[in-house]
Amino acid sequence: MAVDTFLAYVGVYDDAAGADADYETVKDLHTKAGLIDAYDAAVIERRADGKVKITKKHETPTRAGGVLGAGAGLATGLVVALFPFAAIGGGLLAVTTGGGAVLGALAGHAAAGMSRKDLKELGEHLDAGQAGLVVVAVSDMGTKIERAMKQARKVEARQLKADTAGIEADAKSAQA
């Protein structure tokens, strides 16, 4: 089993505009450095009814994103692990649907790559804001990503270990 080590960053924001701005800064950072395949990111927003919605996402196409077709990756999987009923785009994904099964597998891998304590703490931090930005990136980009998330009220970083081959295999079997 080949396990890759990533860093997961969670930024807490007072509004979605700040999270969106930092999402674009992180995206620009990777695009300018030629490292567009080196990160996954998801912007989440807490709606007036208290439900969480993923409003933007970037998923590395060379990892599970290429297999999943819809472009779901570790950042989306981590959001789903933290908020199992998060809405993606216009609708809520049921874990019993094909896409939901893939997301469930991805969430399982993201959750398995972190301690329960880390997952609990990250979820609590995100609960404290109206919006959030989750970035999963290769560890050597860490300092640059933290600096790019400058509009966040708070940024937490945790190590995430992921079996990328296992993610791809599970995604393929969930799609079958």
C-alpha atoms as a PDB file:
ATOM      1  CA  MET A   1       0.000   0.000   0.000  1.00  0.00           C
ATOM      2  CA  ALA A   2       1.488   3.333  -1.110  1.00  0.00           C
ATOM      3  CA  VAL A   3       0.529   6.009   1.369  1.00  0.00           C
ATOM      4  CA  ASP A   4       1.074   9.655   0.498  1.00  0.00           C
ATOM      5  CA  THR A   5       1.309  12.324   3.178  1.00  0.00           C
ATOM      6  CA  PHE A   6      -0.533  15.583   2.630  1.00  0.00           C
ATOM      7  CA  LEU A   7      -1.387  18.561   4.785  1.00  0.00           C
ATOM      8  CA  ALA A   8      -5.021  19.519   5.254  1.00  0.00           C
ATOM      9  CA  TYR A   9      -5.707  23.188   5.956  1.00  0.00           C
ATOM     10  CA  VAL A  10      -9.018  24.447   7.244  1.00  0.00           C
ATOM     11  CA  GLY A  11      -9.683  28.163   7.228  1.00  0.00           C
ATOM     12  CA  VAL A  12     -12.629  29.668   9.099  1.00  0.00           C
ATOM     13  CA  TYR A  13     -14.272  32.770   7.633  1.00  0.00           C
ATOM     14  CA  ASP A  14     -16.950  35.225   8.687  1.00  0.00           C
ATOM     15  CA  ASP A  15     -18.367  35.223   5.164  1.00  0.00           C
ATOM     16  CA  ALA A  16     -18.134  33.369   1.867  1.00  0.00           C
ATOM     17  CA  ALA A  17     -16.454  36.311   0.101  1.00  0.00           C
ATOM     18  CA  GLY A  18     -13.307  35.901   2.197  1.00  0.00           C
ATOM     19  CA  ALA A  19     -13.213  32.140   1.616  1.00  0.00           C
ATOM     20  CA  ASP A  20     -13.730  32.655  -2.132  1.00  0.00           C
ATOM     21  CA  ALA A  21     -10.917  35.227  -2.285  1.00  0.00           C
ATOM     22  CA  ASP A  22      -8.469  32.924  -0.501  1.00  0.00           C
ATOM     23  CA  TYR A  23      -9.575  29.996  -2.715  1.00  0.00           C
ATOM     24  CA  GLU A  24      -8.577  32.079  -5.754  1.00  0.00           C
ATOM     25  CA  THR A  25      -5.263  33.042  -4.107  1.00  0.00           C
ATOM     26  CA  VAL A  26      -4.454  29.364  -3.423  1.00  0.00           C
ATOM     27  CA  LYS A  27      -5.433  28.508  -7.005  1.00  0.00           C
ATOM     28  CA  ASP A  28      -3.205  31.299  -8.382  1.00  0.00           C
ATOM     29  CA  LEU A  29      -0.338  30.168  -6.170  1.00  0.00           C
ATOM     30  CA  HIS A  30      -0.434  26.680  -7.669  1.00  0.00           C
ATOM     31  CA  THR A  31      -1.086  27.835 -11.237  1.00  0.00           C
ATOM     32  CA  LYS A  32       1.840  30.277 -11.212  1.00  0.00           C
ATOM     33  CA  ALA A  33       4.118  27.662  -9.660  1.00  0.00           C
ATOM     34  CA  GLY A  34       3.029  25.091 -12.259  1.00  0.00           C
ATOM     35  CA  LEU A  35       1.725  22.857  -9.461  1.00  0.00           C
ATOM     36  CA  ILE A  36      -1.958  22.762 -10.369  1.00  0.00           C
ATOM     37  CA  ASP A  37      -2.036  18.986  -9.790  1.00  0.00           C
ATOM     38  CA  ALA A  38      -0.641  19.365  -6.279  1.00  0.00           C
ATOM     39  CA  TYR A  39      -3.751  20.353  -4.331  1.00  0.00           C
ATOM     40  CA  ASP A  40      -7.462  19.844  -3.742  1.00  0.00           C
ATOM     41  CA  ALA A  41      -9.641  22.634  -2.345  1.00  0.00           C
ATOM     42  CA  ALA A  42     -13.266  23.175  -1.405  1.00  0.00           C
ATOM     43  CA  VAL A  43     -15.121  26.281  -0.258  1.00  0.00           C
ATOM     44  CA  ILE A  44     -17.981  25.582   2.092  1.00  0.00           C
ATOM     45  CA  GLU A  45     -20.745  27.921   3.129  1.00  0.00           C
ATOM     46  CA  ARG A  46     -23.182  27.630   6.007  1.00  0.00           C
ATOM     47  CA  ARG A  47     -26.641  28.504   4.732  1.00  0.00           C
ATOM     48  CA  ALA A  48     -29.287  30.329   6.758  1.00  0.00           C
ATOM     49  CA  ASP A  49     -30.906  26.975   7.632  1.00  0.00           C
ATOM     50  CA  GLY A  50     -27.605  25.802   9.162  1.00  0.00           C
ATOM     51  CA  LYS A  51     -26.808  23.299   6.408  1.00  0.00           C
ATOM     52  CA  VAL A  52     -23.391  23.208   4.775  1.00  0.00           C
ATOM     53  CA  LYS A  53     -22.931  23.552   1.019  1.00  0.00           C
ATOM     54  CA  ILE A  54     -19.770  23.118  -1.046  1.00  0.00           C
ATOM     55  CA  THR A  55     -19.818  26.129  -3.366  1.00  0.00           C
ATOM     56  CA  LYS A  56     -16.457  25.737  -5.156  1.00  0.00           C
ATOM     57  CA  LYS A  57     -13.956  22.944  -5.524  1.00  0.00           C
ATOM     58  CA  HIS A  58     -10.745  22.048  -7.296  1.00  0.00           C
ATOM     59  CA  GLU A  59      -9.658  18.444  -7.348  1.00  0.00           C
ATOM     60  CA  THR A  60      -6.376  17.085  -8.626  1.00  0.00           C
ATOM     61  CA  PRO A  61      -7.152  15.278 -11.868  1.00  0.00           C
ATOM     62  CA  THR A  62      -4.165  12.945 -11.580  1.00  0.00           C
ATOM     63  CA  ARG A  63      -5.316  11.512  -8.270  1.00  0.00           C
ATOM     64  CA  ALA A  64      -8.841  10.248  -7.642  1.00  0.00           C
ATOM     65  CA  GLY A  65     -10.382  13.164  -9.540  1.00  0.00           C
ATOM     66  CA  GLY A  66      -9.500  11.554 -12.854  1.00  0.00           C
ATOM     67  CA  VAL A  67     -11.302   8.379 -11.847  1.00  0.00           C
ATOM     68  CA  LEU A  68     -14.321  10.042 -10.365  1.00  0.00           C
ATOM     69  CA  GLY A  69     -15.303  11.976 -13.441  1.00  0.00           C
ATOM     70  CA  ALA A  70     -17.183  14.544 -11.386  1.00  0.00           C
ATOM     71  CA  GLY A  71     -13.874  15.741  -9.986  1.00  0.00           C
ATOM     72  CA  ALA A  72     -14.301  14.852  -6.324  1.00  0.00           C
ATOM     73  CA  GLY A  73     -11.098  14.438  -4.358  1.00  0.00           C
ATOM     74  CA  LEU A  74      -9.587  14.547  -0.890  1.00  0.00           C
ATOM     75  CA  ALA A  75     -10.800  18.061   0.008  1.00  0.00           C
ATOM     76  CA  THR A  76     -14.386  17.168  -0.901  1.00  0.00           C
ATOM     77  CA  GLY A  77     -13.976  13.829   0.872  1.00  0.00           C
ATOM     78  CA  LEU A  78     -12.760  15.615   3.991  1.00  0.00           C
ATOM     79  CA  VAL A  79     -15.725  18.018   3.915  1.00  0.00           C
ATOM     80  CA  VAL A  80     -18.103  15.052   3.577  1.00  0.00           C
ATOM     81  CA  ALA A  81     -16.317  13.288   6.459  1.00  0.00           C
ATOM     82  CA  LEU A  82     -16.778  16.406   8.617  1.00  0.00           C
ATOM     83  CA  PHE A  83     -20.312  17.203   7.395  1.00  0.00           C
ATOM     84  CA  PRO A  84     -21.905  13.974   6.080  1.00  0.00           C
ATOM     85  CA  PHE A  85     -24.924  15.748   4.640  1.00  0.00           C
ATOM     86  CA  ALA A  86     -23.077  18.587   2.905  1.00  0.00           C
ATOM     87  CA  ALA A  87     -24.730  19.758  -0.303  1.00  0.00           C
ATOM     88  CA  ILE A  88     -22.516  19.917  -3.368  1.00  0.00           C
ATOM     89  CA  GLY A  89     -23.503  22.474  -5.945  1.00  0.00           C
ATOM     90  CA  GLY A  90     -27.268  22.515  -6.303  1.00  0.00           C
ATOM     91  CA  GLY A  91     -28.187  19.320  -4.512  1.00  0.00           C
ATOM     92  CA  LEU A  92     -27.625  17.025  -1.612  1.00  0.00           C
ATOM     93  CA  LEU A  93     -25.852  13.803  -2.498  1.00  0.00           C
ATOM     94  CA  ALA A  94     -27.358  10.663  -1.107  1.00  0.00           C
ATOM     95  CA  VAL A  95     -24.718   8.123  -0.184  1.00  0.00           C
ATOM     96  CA  THR A  96     -26.835   5.439  -1.845  1.00  0.00           C
ATOM     97  CA  THR A  97     -26.451   6.969  -5.326  1.00  0.00           C
ATOM     98  CA  GLY A  98     -23.461   6.181  -7.527  1.00  0.00           C
ATOM     99  CA  GLY A  99     -21.869   9.586  -6.951  1.00  0.00           C
ATOM    100  CA  GLY A 100     -22.686   9.367  -3.284  1.00  0.00           C
ATOM    101  CA  ALA A 101     -21.035   5.951  -3.019  1.00  0.00           C
ATOM    102  CA  VAL A 102     -17.866   7.373  -4.539  1.00  0.00           C
ATOM    103  CA  LEU A 103     -18.003  10.315  -2.134  1.00  0.00           C
ATOM    104  CA  GLY A 104     -18.600   7.928   0.739  1.00  0.00           C
ATOM    105  CA  ALA A 105     -15.500   5.958  -0.213  1.00  0.00           C
ATOM    106  CA  LEU A 106     -13.519   9.168  -0.545  1.00  0.00           C
ATOM    107  CA  ALA A 107     -14.774  10.457   2.800  1.00  0.00           C
ATOM    108  CA  GLY A 108     -13.778   7.151   4.362  1.00  0.00           C
ATOM    109  CA  HIS A 109     -10.239   7.487   3.032  1.00  0.00           C
ATOM    110  CA  ALA A 110      -9.978  11.123   4.141  1.00  0.00           C
ATOM    111  CA  ALA A 111     -11.286  10.262   7.609  1.00  0.00           C
ATOM    112  CA  ALA A 112      -9.017   7.225   7.873  1.00  0.00           C
ATOM    113  CA  GLY A 113      -6.038   9.437   7.084  1.00  0.00           C
ATOM    114  CA  MET A 114      -6.574  11.551  10.224  1.00  0.00           C
ATOM    115  CA  SER A 115      -7.033  10.887  13.888  1.00  0.00           C
ATOM    116  CA  ARG A 116     -10.547  11.133  15.331  1.00  0.00           C
ATOM    117  CA  LYS A 117      -9.324  13.976  17.531  1.00  0.00           C
ATOM    118  CA  ASP A 118      -8.090  15.942  14.494  1.00  0.00           C
ATOM    119  CA  LEU A 119     -11.376  15.366  12.635  1.00  0.00           C
ATOM    120  CA  LYS A 120     -13.382  16.488  15.653  1.00  0.00           C
ATOM    121  CA  GLU A 121     -11.271  19.624  16.115  1.00  0.00           C
ATOM    122  CA  LEU A 122     -11.459  20.572  12.434  1.00  0.00           C
ATOM    123  CA  GLY A 123     -15.237  20.121  12.431  1.00  0.00           C
ATOM    124  CA  GLU A 124     -15.557  22.284  15.535  1.00  0.00           C
ATOM    125  CA  HIS A 125     -13.436  25.023  13.974  1.00  0.00           C
ATOM    126  CA  LEU A 126     -15.554  25.028  10.823  1.00  0.00           C
ATOM    127  CA  ASP A 127     -18.720  25.111  12.931  1.00  0.00           C
ATOM    128  CA  ALA A 128     -17.518  28.420  14.382  1.00  0.00           C
ATOM    129  CA  GLY A 129     -17.719  30.305  11.064  1.00  0.00           C
ATOM    130  CA  GLN A 130     -20.126  31.108   8.270  1.00  0.00           C
ATOM    131  CA  ALA A 131     -17.771  29.830   5.572  1.00  0.00           C
ATOM    132  CA  GLY A 132     -14.664  27.710   5.283  1.00  0.00           C
ATOM    133  CA  LEU A 133     -11.883  26.764   2.931  1.00  0.00           C
ATOM    134  CA  VAL A 134     -10.462  23.254   3.010  1.00  0.00           C
ATOM    135  CA  VAL A 135      -7.180  22.739   1.140  1.00  0.00           C
ATOM    136  CA  VAL A 136      -5.368  19.408   0.898  1.00  0.00           C
ATOM    137  CA  ALA A 137      -1.887  19.836  -0.546  1.00  0.00           C
ATOM    138  CA  VAL A 138       1.551  18.306  -0.765  1.00  0.00           C
ATOM    139  CA  SER A 139       3.476  19.119   2.368  1.00  0.00           C
ATOM    140  CA  ASP A 140       6.193  21.232   0.742  1.00  0.00           C
ATOM    141  CA  MET A 141       3.619  23.923  -0.167  1.00  0.00           C
ATOM    142  CA  GLY A 142       2.491  24.323   3.448  1.00  0.00           C
ATOM    143  CA  THR A 143       3.894  27.725   4.352  1.00  0.00           C
ATOM    144  CA  LYS A 144       2.782  29.249   1.053  1.00  0.00           C
ATOM    145  CA  ILE A 145      -0.763  27.935   1.474  1.00  0.00           C
ATOM    146  CA  GLU A 146      -1.033  29.238   5.021  1.00  0.00           C
ATOM    147  CA  ARG A 147       0.085  32.694   3.810  1.00  0.00           C
ATOM    148  CA  ALA A 148      -2.440  32.539   0.936  1.00  0.00           C
ATOM    149  CA  MET A 149      -5.292  31.983   3.415  1.00  0.00           C
ATOM    150  CA  LYS A 150      -4.825  35.511   4.798  1.00  0.00           C
ATOM    151  CA  GLN A 151      -8.514  36.443   5.057  1.00  0.00           C
ATOM    152  CA  ALA A 152      -9.294  33.528   7.376  1.00  0.00           C
ATOM    153  CA  ARG A 153     -10.151  34.290  10.969  1.00  0.00           C
ATOM    154  CA  LYS A 154      -8.305  31.102  11.880  1.00  0.00           C
ATOM    155  CA  VAL A 155      -6.333  28.440   9.976  1.00  0.00           C
ATOM    156  CA  GLU A 156      -5.747  24.940  11.303  1.00  0.00           C
ATOM    157  CA  ALA A 157      -3.390  22.441   9.676  1.00  0.00           C
ATOM    158  CA  ARG A 158      -3.364  18.677  10.133  1.00  0.00           C
ATOM    159  CA  GLN A 159      -1.463  15.855   8.506  1.00  0.00           C
ATOM    160  CA  LEU A 160      -3.503  13.605   6.214  1.00  0.00           C
ATOM    161  CA  LYS A 161      -2.206  10.246   5.037  1.00  0.00           C
ATOM    162  CA  ALA A 162      -3.975   8.830   2.023  1.00  0.00           C
ATOM    163  CA  ASP A 163      -3.656   5.587   0.108  1.00  0.00           C
ATOM    164  CA  THR A 164      -4.117   7.114  -3.337  1.00  0.00           C
ATOM    165  CA  ALA A 165      -4.130   3.711  -5.064  1.00  0.00           C
ATOM    166  CA  GLY A 166      -6.818   2.551  -2.624  1.00  0.00           C
ATOM    167  CA  ILE A 167      -8.870   5.677  -3.294  1.00  0.00           C
ATOM    168  CA  GLU A 168      -8.715   5.052  -7.014  1.00  0.00           C
ATOM    169  CA  ALA A 169      -9.634   1.366  -6.626  1.00  0.00           C
ATOM    170  CA  ASP A 170     -12.557   2.155  -4.314  1.00  0.00           C
ATOM    171  CA  ALA A 171     -13.775   4.912  -6.641  1.00  0.00           C
ATOM    172  CA  LYS A 172     -13.726   2.531  -9.607  1.00  0.00           C
ATOM    173  CA  SER A 173     -15.609  -0.179  -7.713  1.00  0.00           C
ATOM    174  CA  ALA A 174     -18.187   2.345  -6.443  1.00  0.00           C
ATOM    175  CA  GLN A 175     -18.797   3.512 -10.002  1.00  0.00           C
ATOM    176  CA  ALA A 176     -19.289  -0.065 -11.256  1.00  0.00           C
END
